[in-house]
């Protein structure tokens, strides 16, 4: 039997890089909440990360 290890840092970096772009974040929001998408624009989206929160306090 082969023991496979998952490289979580790669998965995290792909997710982080993809959704740090407001265009893709808006598409994700529209997929998750299709009933609330007509009034939401890229300007309404704020990207908040744990790093941003820790640096601001």
Protein backbone atom coordinates (compact mmCIF):
# COMPACT_ATOMS: atom_id res chain seq x y z
CA UNK A 1 0.00 0.00 0.00
CA UNK A 2 1.28 3.45 -0.92
CA UNK A 3 1.16 6.14 1.74
CA UNK A 4 0.24 9.47 0.10
CA UNK A 5 0.69 12.75 1.90
CA UNK A 6 -1.34 15.80 0.99
CA UNK A 7 0.57 19.03 0.51
CA UNK A 8 -1.82 21.44 2.19
CA UNK A 9 0.36 24.48 1.61
CA UNK A 10 -0.11 24.11 -2.15
CA UNK A 11 -3.88 23.86 -1.82
CA UNK A 12 -3.92 26.90 0.43
CA UNK A 13 -1.74 28.99 -1.86
CA UNK A 14 -3.89 28.19 -4.91
CA UNK A 15 -7.06 29.18 -3.02
CA UNK A 16 -5.43 32.32 -1.60
CA UNK A 17 -4.03 33.47 -4.94
CA UNK A 18 -7.24 32.77 -6.82
CA UNK A 19 -9.60 34.50 -4.41
CA UNK A 20 -7.38 37.49 -3.68
CA UNK A 21 -8.67 38.72 -7.05
CA UNK A 22 -12.04 40.45 -6.55
CA UNK A 23 -13.33 39.20 -9.92
CA UNK A 24 -13.01 35.58 -8.84
CA UNK A 25 -14.28 36.32 -5.34
CA UNK A 26 -17.42 37.82 -6.87
CA UNK A 27 -17.91 34.69 -9.00
CA UNK A 28 -17.57 32.51 -5.88
CA UNK A 29 -20.11 34.67 -4.04
CA UNK A 30 -22.53 34.44 -6.97
CA UNK A 31 -22.18 30.65 -7.01
CA UNK A 32 -22.83 30.38 -3.26
CA UNK A 33 -25.62 32.96 -3.05
CA UNK A 34 -27.36 33.10 -6.45
CA UNK A 35 -30.42 34.86 -4.99
CA UNK A 36 -28.39 37.91 -3.80
CA UNK A 37 -26.21 38.63 -6.81
CA UNK A 38 -27.94 41.37 -8.78
CA UNK A 39 -26.81 44.24 -6.52
CA UNK A 40 -23.29 43.06 -5.68
CA UNK A 41 -20.27 44.43 -7.58
CA UNK A 42 -16.51 44.05 -7.21
CA UNK A 43 -16.46 47.41 -5.40
CA UNK A 44 -18.66 45.93 -2.65
CA UNK A 45 -16.12 43.21 -1.86
CA UNK A 46 -13.45 43.66 0.81
CA UNK A 47 -10.70 41.05 0.96
CA UNK A 48 -10.01 40.44 4.64
CA UNK A 49 -7.25 38.05 5.62
CA UNK A 50 -5.93 36.94 8.96
CA UNK A 51 -2.66 38.70 8.17
CA UNK A 52 -4.49 41.99 7.59
CA UNK A 53 -6.29 41.70 10.91
CA UNK A 54 -3.14 40.87 12.88
CA UNK A 55 -1.14 43.72 11.30
CA UNK A 56 -3.85 46.30 12.04
CA UNK A 57 -4.05 45.56 15.78
